[in-house]
C-alpha atoms as a PDB file:
ATOM      1  CA  MET A   1      25.908   1.676 -11.761  1.00  0.00           C
ATOM      2  CA  THR A   2      29.475   0.939 -13.060  1.00  0.00           C
ATOM      3  CA  ASN A   3      30.581   0.037  -9.522  1.00  0.00           C
ATOM      4  CA  HIS A   4      27.440  -2.239  -9.261  1.00  0.00           C
ATOM      5  CA  THR A   5      28.467  -4.061 -12.253  1.00  0.00           C
ATOM      6  CA  ALA A   6      32.306  -4.454 -11.327  1.00  0.00           C
ATOM      7  CA  ARG A   7      31.109  -5.954  -8.045  1.00  0.00           C
ATOM      8  CA  MET A   8      28.405  -8.259  -9.700  1.00  0.00           C
ATOM      9  CA  ALA A   9      31.143  -9.632 -11.919  1.00  0.00           C
ATOM     10  CA  ALA A  10      33.434 -10.265  -8.972  1.00  0.00           C
ATOM     11  CA  LEU A  11      30.654 -11.934  -7.206  1.00  0.00           C
ATOM     12  CA  LEU A  12      29.680 -13.893 -10.349  1.00  0.00           C
ATOM     13  CA  GLY A  13      33.054 -15.078 -10.543  1.00  0.00           C
ATOM     14  CA  LYS A  14      33.209 -16.501  -7.060  1.00  0.00           C
ATOM     15  CA  LEU A  15      29.944 -18.119  -7.596  1.00  0.00           C
ATOM     16  CA  ARG A  16      30.774 -19.966 -10.914  1.00  0.00           C
ATOM     17  CA  ARG A  17      33.889 -21.685  -9.119  1.00  0.00           C
ATOM     18  CA  GLU A  18      31.340 -23.684  -6.959  1.00  0.00           C
ATOM     19  CA  MET A  19      29.183 -24.819 -10.164  1.00  0.00           C
ATOM     20  CA  ASN A  20      27.846 -27.903 -10.421  1.00  0.00           C
ATOM     21  CA  GLY A  21      27.259 -28.918 -13.856  1.00  0.00           C
ATOM     22  CA  ALA A  22      24.828 -31.889 -13.603  1.00  0.00           C
ATOM     23  CA  VAL A  23      22.600 -29.932 -10.939  1.00  0.00           C
ATOM     24  CA  ALA A  24      22.333 -26.848 -13.571  1.00  0.00           C
ATOM     25  CA  GLU A  25      21.461 -29.160 -16.238  1.00  0.00           C
ATOM     26  CA  SER A  26      19.292 -30.974 -14.605  1.00  0.00           C
ATOM     27  CA  MET A  27      17.341 -27.627 -13.285  1.00  0.00           C
ATOM     28  CA  GLN A  28      17.511 -26.197 -17.155  1.00  0.00           C
ATOM     29  CA  ARG A  29      15.566 -29.578 -18.070  1.00  0.00           C
ATOM     30  CA  GLY A  30      13.079 -29.371 -15.713  1.00  0.00           C
ATOM     31  CA  GLU A  31      11.242 -26.129 -14.161  1.00  0.00           C
ATOM     32  CA  GLY A  32      14.482 -23.916 -13.549  1.00  0.00           C
ATOM     33  CA  GLY A  33      12.634 -20.694 -14.007  1.00  0.00           C
ATOM     34  CA  TYR A  34      15.944 -19.039 -14.621  1.00  0.00           C
ATOM     35  CA  GLY A  35      17.474 -17.357 -17.725  1.00  0.00           C
ATOM     36  CA  LEU A  36      21.150 -18.829 -16.422  1.00  0.00           C
ATOM     37  CA  ASN A  37      21.957 -21.072 -13.347  1.00  0.00           C
ATOM     38  CA  TYR A  38      24.884 -22.582 -12.294  1.00  0.00           C
ATOM     39  CA  GLY A  39      23.409 -25.333 -10.124  1.00  0.00           C
ATOM     40  CA  VAL A  40      25.387 -23.977  -6.489  1.00  0.00           C
ATOM     41  CA  SER A  41      23.978 -25.034  -3.592  1.00  0.00           C
ATOM     42  CA  ILE A  42      21.724 -22.464  -1.522  1.00  0.00           C
ATOM     43  CA  PRO A  43      24.089 -22.907   1.494  1.00  0.00           C
ATOM     44  CA  THR A  44      27.120 -22.107  -0.761  1.00  0.00           C
ATOM     45  CA  ILE A  45      25.269 -18.914  -2.217  1.00  0.00           C
ATOM     46  CA  ARG A  46      24.513 -17.670   1.353  1.00  0.00           C
ATOM     47  CA  ALA A  47      27.842 -18.040   2.412  1.00  0.00           C
ATOM     48  CA  ILE A  48      29.455 -16.486  -0.272  1.00  0.00           C
ATOM     49  CA  ALA A  49      26.638 -13.496  -0.173  1.00  0.00           C
ATOM     50  CA  GLY A  50      27.348 -12.989   3.527  1.00  0.00           C
ATOM     51  CA  ARG A  51      30.790 -12.347   3.071  1.00  0.00           C
ATOM     52  CA  ILE A  52      29.346  -8.860   1.553  1.00  0.00           C
ATOM     53  CA  GLY A  53      27.581  -7.737   4.170  1.00  0.00           C
ATOM     54  CA  THR A  54      24.198  -5.641   4.036  1.00  0.00           C
ATOM     55  CA  ASP A  55      23.915  -3.494   0.968  1.00  0.00           C
ATOM     56  CA  HIS A  56      20.302  -3.036  -0.186  1.00  0.00           C
ATOM     57  CA  ALA A  57      21.056  -1.256  -3.362  1.00  0.00           C
ATOM     58  CA  PHE A  58      23.557  -3.812  -4.369  1.00  0.00           C
ATOM     59  CA  ALA A  59      21.041  -6.080  -3.652  1.00  0.00           C
ATOM     60  CA  ARG A  60      18.114  -4.848  -5.772  1.00  0.00           C
ATOM     61  CA  PHE A  61      20.798  -4.535  -8.561  1.00  0.00           C
ATOM     62  CA  LEU A  62      21.682  -8.119  -8.321  1.00  0.00           C
ATOM     63  CA  TYR A  63      17.831  -9.335  -8.262  1.00  0.00           C
ATOM     64  CA  ARG A  64      17.216  -7.760 -11.454  1.00  0.00           C
ATOM     65  CA  GLN A  65      19.696 -10.134 -13.433  1.00  0.00           C
ATOM     66  CA  ASP A  66      18.130 -13.242 -14.691  1.00  0.00           C
ATOM     67  CA  VAL A  67      20.671 -15.254 -12.932  1.00  0.00           C
ATOM     68  CA  ARG A  68      19.673 -17.772 -10.342  1.00  0.00           C
ATOM     69  CA  GLU A  69      22.765 -17.633  -8.069  1.00  0.00           C
ATOM     70  CA  LEU A  70      23.036 -13.554  -8.331  1.00  0.00           C
ATOM     71  CA  ARG A  71      18.988 -13.402  -7.354  1.00  0.00           C
ATOM     72  CA  MET A  72      19.289 -15.725  -4.373  1.00  0.00           C
ATOM     73  CA  ALA A  73      22.602 -13.981  -3.180  1.00  0.00           C
ATOM     74  CA  ALA A  74      20.694 -10.652  -3.265  1.00  0.00           C
ATOM     75  CA  LEU A  75      18.408 -12.113  -0.638  1.00  0.00           C
ATOM     76  CA  THR A  76      20.863 -12.637   1.674  1.00  0.00           C
ATOM     77  CA  ILE A  77      22.675  -9.306   1.248  1.00  0.00           C
ATOM     78  CA  ALA A  78      19.364  -7.343   1.445  1.00  0.00           C
ATOM     79  CA  ASP A  79      18.325  -5.269   4.179  1.00  0.00           C
ATOM     80  CA  PRO A  80      14.819  -6.041   5.739  1.00  0.00           C
ATOM     81  CA  VAL A  81      14.976  -2.491   7.333  1.00  0.00           C
ATOM     82  CA  SER A  82      14.644  -0.989   3.900  1.00  0.00           C
ATOM     83  CA  VAL A  83      11.649  -2.862   2.510  1.00  0.00           C
ATOM     84  CA  THR A  84       8.515  -1.132   3.114  1.00  0.00           C
ATOM     85  CA  PRO A  85       4.907  -1.855   2.271  1.00  0.00           C
ATOM     86  CA  ASP A  86       5.482   0.858  -0.680  1.00  0.00           C
ATOM     87  CA  ASN A  87       8.302  -1.028  -2.029  1.00  0.00           C
ATOM     88  CA  VAL A  88       7.922  -4.655  -1.021  1.00  0.00           C
ATOM     89  CA  ASP A  89       6.055  -5.821  -4.532  1.00  0.00           C
ATOM     90  CA  GLU A  90       9.767  -5.320  -6.370  1.00  0.00           C
ATOM     91  CA  TRP A  91      10.959  -8.490  -4.725  1.00  0.00           C
ATOM     92  CA  PHE A  92       8.099 -10.138  -6.513  1.00  0.00           C
ATOM     93  CA  VAL A  93       9.130  -9.757 -10.309  1.00  0.00           C
ATOM     94  CA  GLY A  94      10.446 -11.796 -13.151  1.00  0.00           C
ATOM     95  CA  ARG A  95      10.389 -15.565 -13.072  1.00  0.00           C
ATOM     96  CA  MET A  96       9.963 -16.765  -9.433  1.00  0.00           C
ATOM     97  CA  PRO A  97      10.613 -20.491  -9.245  1.00  0.00           C
ATOM     98  CA  GLU A  98       9.806 -22.286  -5.936  1.00  0.00           C
ATOM     99  CA  GLU A  99      12.788 -22.190  -4.474  1.00  0.00           C
ATOM    100  CA  LEU A 100      13.302 -18.620  -4.834  1.00  0.00           C
ATOM    101  CA  ILE A 101       9.907 -17.897  -3.308  1.00  0.00           C
ATOM    102  CA  GLU A 102      10.871 -19.643  -0.372  1.00  0.00           C
ATOM    103  CA  GLU A 103      14.242 -18.021  -0.143  1.00  0.00           C
ATOM    104  CA  LEU A 104      12.630 -14.900  -0.500  1.00  0.00           C
ATOM    105  CA  ALA A 105      10.336 -15.522   2.613  1.00  0.00           C
ATOM    106  CA  LEU A 106      13.133 -16.984   4.776  1.00  0.00           C
ATOM    107  CA  ARG A 107      15.661 -14.715   4.109  1.00  0.00           C
ATOM    108  CA  LEU A 108      14.159 -11.174   3.466  1.00  0.00           C
ATOM    109  CA  LEU A 109      10.307 -11.118   3.890  1.00  0.00           C
ATOM    110  CA  SER A 110      10.139 -13.051   7.316  1.00  0.00           C
ATOM    111  CA  ARG A 111      12.861 -10.036   8.975  1.00  0.00           C
ATOM    112  CA  CYS A 112      10.733  -7.266   7.901  1.00  0.00           C
ATOM    113  CA  GLY A 113       8.617  -5.119  10.220  1.00  0.00           C
ATOM    114  CA  ARG A 114       4.910  -5.368  11.184  1.00  0.00           C
ATOM    115  CA  PRO A 115       4.099  -2.888   8.114  1.00  0.00           C
ATOM    116  CA  VAL A 116       5.310  -5.198   5.448  1.00  0.00           C
ATOM    117  CA  LEU A 117       4.018  -8.277   7.333  1.00  0.00           C
ATOM    118  CA  ASP A 118       0.489  -6.422   7.597  1.00  0.00           C
ATOM    119  CA  THR A 119       0.858  -5.655   3.776  1.00  0.00           C
ATOM    120  CA  LEU A 120       1.387  -9.364   2.958  1.00  0.00           C
ATOM    121  CA  CYS A 121      -1.386 -10.645   4.778  1.00  0.00           C
ATOM    122  CA  GLY A 122      -3.473  -7.527   3.389  1.00  0.00           C
ATOM    123  CA  ARG A 123      -2.403  -7.502  -0.073  1.00  0.00           C
ATOM    124  CA  TRP A 124      -0.749 -10.511  -0.945  1.00  0.00           C
ATOM    125  CA  LEU A 125      -2.570 -12.970   0.768  1.00  0.00           C
ATOM    126  CA  ARG A 126      -6.212 -11.694   0.415  1.00  0.00           C
ATOM    127  CA  ALA A 127      -5.865 -10.434  -3.363  1.00  0.00           C
ATOM    128  CA  GLY A 128      -2.489 -11.979  -4.945  1.00  0.00           C
ATOM    129  CA  SER A 129      -1.343 -14.423  -7.177  1.00  0.00           C
ATOM    130  CA  GLY A 130      -0.988 -18.630  -5.851  1.00  0.00           C
ATOM    131  CA  ALA A 131       2.811 -17.909  -5.702  1.00  0.00           C
ATOM    132  CA  GLU A 132       2.288 -14.225  -4.091  1.00  0.00           C
ATOM    133  CA  ARG A 133      -0.151 -15.851  -1.501  1.00  0.00           C
ATOM    134  CA  TYR A 134       2.349 -18.727  -0.844  1.00  0.00           C
ATOM    135  CA  ALA A 135       5.201 -16.151  -0.339  1.00  0.00           C
ATOM    136  CA  ALA A 136       3.188 -14.505   2.261  1.00  0.00           C
ATOM    137  CA  LEU A 137       2.363 -17.878   4.071  1.00  0.00           C
ATOM    138  CA  MET A 138       6.017 -18.661   4.137  1.00  0.00           C
ATOM    139  CA  ALA A 139       7.388 -15.432   5.584  1.00  0.00           C
ATOM    140  CA  LEU A 140       4.860 -15.321   7.904  1.00  0.00           C
ATOM    141  CA  ALA A 141       5.209 -18.690   9.190  1.00  0.00           C
ATOM    142  CA  ARG A 142       9.080 -17.731   9.967  1.00  0.00           C
ATOM    143  CA  ALA A 143       8.153 -14.160  11.243  1.00  0.00           C
ATOM    144  CA  ARG A 144       8.826 -13.351  14.767  1.00  0.00           C
ATOM    145  CA  VAL A 145       5.276 -13.910  16.351  1.00  0.00           C
ATOM    146  CA  GLN A 146       5.081 -10.463  17.863  1.00  0.00           C
ATOM    147  CA  GLU A 147       5.363  -8.917  14.474  1.00  0.00           C
ATOM    148  CA  PHE A 148       1.902  -9.469  13.241  1.00  0.00           C
ATOM    149  CA  ASP A 149      -1.711 -10.325  13.750  1.00  0.00           C
ATOM    150  CA  ALA A 150      -2.068 -14.056  13.953  1.00  0.00           C
ATOM    151  CA  ALA A 151      -5.773 -13.609  13.995  1.00  0.00           C
ATOM    152  CA  ALA A 152      -6.237 -12.021  10.633  1.00  0.00           C
ATOM    153  CA  VAL A 153      -3.996 -14.310   8.680  1.00  0.00           C
ATOM    154  CA  VAL A 154      -6.014 -17.090   9.794  1.00  0.00           C
ATOM    155  CA  GLU A 155      -9.338 -15.660   8.743  1.00  0.00           C
ATOM    156  CA  ALA A 156      -7.746 -15.135   5.507  1.00  0.00           C
ATOM    157  CA  VAL A 157      -6.527 -18.425   4.608  1.00  0.00           C
ATOM    158  CA  PRO A 158      -9.783 -20.298   3.633  1.00  0.00           C
ATOM    159  CA  ASP A 159     -10.593 -17.468   1.017  1.00  0.00           C
ATOM    160  CA  ALA A 160      -6.972 -17.461  -0.100  1.00  0.00           C
ATOM    161  CA  VAL A 161      -7.334 -21.651  -0.689  1.00  0.00           C
ATOM    162  CA  ALA A 162     -10.513 -21.208  -2.201  1.00  0.00           C
ATOM    163  CA  ALA A 163      -9.062 -18.917  -4.923  1.00  0.00           C
ATOM    164  CA  CYS A 164      -6.352 -21.253  -5.764  1.00  0.00           C
ATOM    165  CA  PRO A 165      -8.254 -24.636  -5.148  1.00  0.00           C
ATOM    166  CA  ASP A 166      -5.558 -26.793  -6.481  1.00  0.00           C
ATOM    167  CA  ASP A 167      -2.560 -25.043  -5.380  1.00  0.00           C
ATOM    168  CA  LEU A 168      -0.760 -27.319  -3.103  1.00  0.00           C
ATOM    169  CA  ARG A 169       1.960 -24.955  -2.577  1.00  0.00           C
ATOM    170  CA  LEU A 170      -0.398 -22.490  -0.958  1.00  0.00           C
ATOM    171  CA  ALA A 171      -1.816 -25.112   1.190  1.00  0.00           C
ATOM    172  CA  ARG A 172       1.629 -26.455   2.401  1.00  0.00           C
ATOM    173  CA  GLY A 173       2.396 -22.868   3.261  1.00  0.00           C
ATOM    174  CA  ALA A 174      -0.825 -22.600   5.286  1.00  0.00           C
ATOM    175  CA  ALA A 175      -0.091 -25.597   7.064  1.00  0.00           C
ATOM    176  CA  ALA A 176       3.178 -24.071   7.987  1.00  0.00           C
ATOM    177  CA  PHE A 177       1.817 -21.052   9.149  1.00  0.00           C
ATOM    178  CA  VAL A 178      -0.629 -22.785  11.443  1.00  0.00           C
ATOM    179  CA  GLN A 179       1.667 -24.689  12.740  1.00  0.00           C
ATOM    180  CA  SER A 180       4.407 -22.261  13.873  1.00  0.00           C
ATOM    181  CA  ALA A 181       1.692 -19.772  15.040  1.00  0.00           C
ATOM    182  CA  SER A 182      -0.573 -22.514  16.761  1.00  0.00           C
ATOM    183  CA  ALA A 183       0.240 -21.128  20.711  1.00  0.00           C
ATOM    184  CA  ARG A 184      -1.619 -17.725  19.392  1.00  0.00           C
ATOM    185  CA  ILE A 185      -4.798 -19.328  17.637  1.00  0.00           C
ATOM    186  CA  ALA A 186      -7.195 -20.208  19.957  1.00  0.00           C
ATOM    187  CA  PRO A 187      -8.905 -24.090  19.286  1.00  0.00           C
ATOM    188  CA  GLU A 188     -12.159 -22.263  18.181  1.00  0.00           C
ATOM    189  CA  ARG A 189     -11.011 -20.112  15.479  1.00  0.00           C
ATOM    190  CA  LEU A 190      -8.793 -22.775  14.185  1.00  0.00           C
ATOM    191  CA  ALA A 191     -11.820 -25.224  14.207  1.00  0.00           C
ATOM    192  CA  ARG A 192     -13.860 -22.371  12.132  1.00  0.00           C
ATOM    193  CA  MET A 193     -10.894 -22.282   9.722  1.00  0.00           C
ATOM    194  CA  ILE A 194     -11.286 -25.396   9.127  1.00  0.00           C
ATOM    195  CA  GLU A 195     -14.767 -25.568   8.657  1.00  0.00           C
ATOM    196  CA  ARG A 196     -14.446 -22.631   5.943  1.00  0.00           C
ATOM    197  CA  LEU A 197     -11.780 -24.455   3.949  1.00  0.00           C
ATOM    198  CA  PRO A 198     -13.289 -25.411   0.202  1.00  0.00           C
ATOM    199  CA  ASP A 199     -13.848 -28.820  -0.596  1.00  0.00           C
ATOM    200  CA  SER A 200     -10.905 -28.942  -3.159  1.00  0.00           C
ATOM    201  CA  ARG A 201      -7.632 -30.243  -3.409  1.00  0.00           C
ATOM    202  CA  GLY A 202      -5.612 -27.800  -1.650  1.00  0.00           C
ATOM    203  CA  GLY A 203      -8.448 -27.679   0.834  1.00  0.00           C
ATOM    204  CA  ALA A 204      -8.513 -31.398   1.577  1.00  0.00           C
ATOM    205  CA  TYR A 205      -4.984 -31.259   2.136  1.00  0.00           C
ATOM    206  CA  LEU A 206      -5.035 -28.499   4.341  1.00  0.00           C
ATOM    207  CA  ARG A 207      -7.632 -30.159   6.182  1.00  0.00           C
ATOM    208  CA  ASP A 208      -5.919 -33.424   6.801  1.00  0.00           C
ATOM    209  CA  GLU A 209      -2.737 -31.401   7.782  1.00  0.00           C
ATOM    210  CA  LEU A 210      -4.473 -29.658  10.650  1.00  0.00           C
ATOM    211  CA  ALA A 211      -7.097 -31.961  11.707  1.00  0.00           C
ATOM    212  CA  TRP A 212      -4.874 -33.239  14.381  1.00  0.00           C
ATOM    213  CA  MET A 213      -4.676 -29.957  16.093  1.00  0.00           C
ATOM    214  CA  ILE A 214      -8.542 -29.799  17.184  1.00  0.00           C
ATOM    215  CA  LEU A 215      -8.869 -33.433  18.492  1.00  0.00           C
END
């Protein structure tokens, strides 16, 4: 723990040197969702964290801190191989602003193996919160197509949208997934999915986004 603390302090020092006060202040006024943030750009955070290399234990330590830059950095440092169905839930804890959800999906969850991706579909997408469902869809949209059962995801989408009828994030995530996996989705399956979408804000958004695919 002492070693992690010293390394964290050194990393935070490098990140703070890239601080953008105006951005940090704007985030604090809006929906920042962090105890502390320094307004450092995501590409800069990735570049600094990338110099550390893969260190899953250190990444888990960083992710528990209520500091935007440290949580973001943790997702570059974490090892997807070390994420399992039994421990994946630990990456969805604390305050989860939309940018953090998207970084989690892109940098970590989408790079995990099929057991984790199946868990995202079976547990997060089918029974999670709106934010968890969004994270699952964004991760599946970016995952390697051979790593999961696209048909199972398509089957789960209408019920997920119905469970969170006004959550446009979830609808956007579903659109991103369907578009990324379109080559693996039979047109008749896609048409049935669209027919099952609820008459809600999220359902209408997704229906409009995908209508061109079944013309």
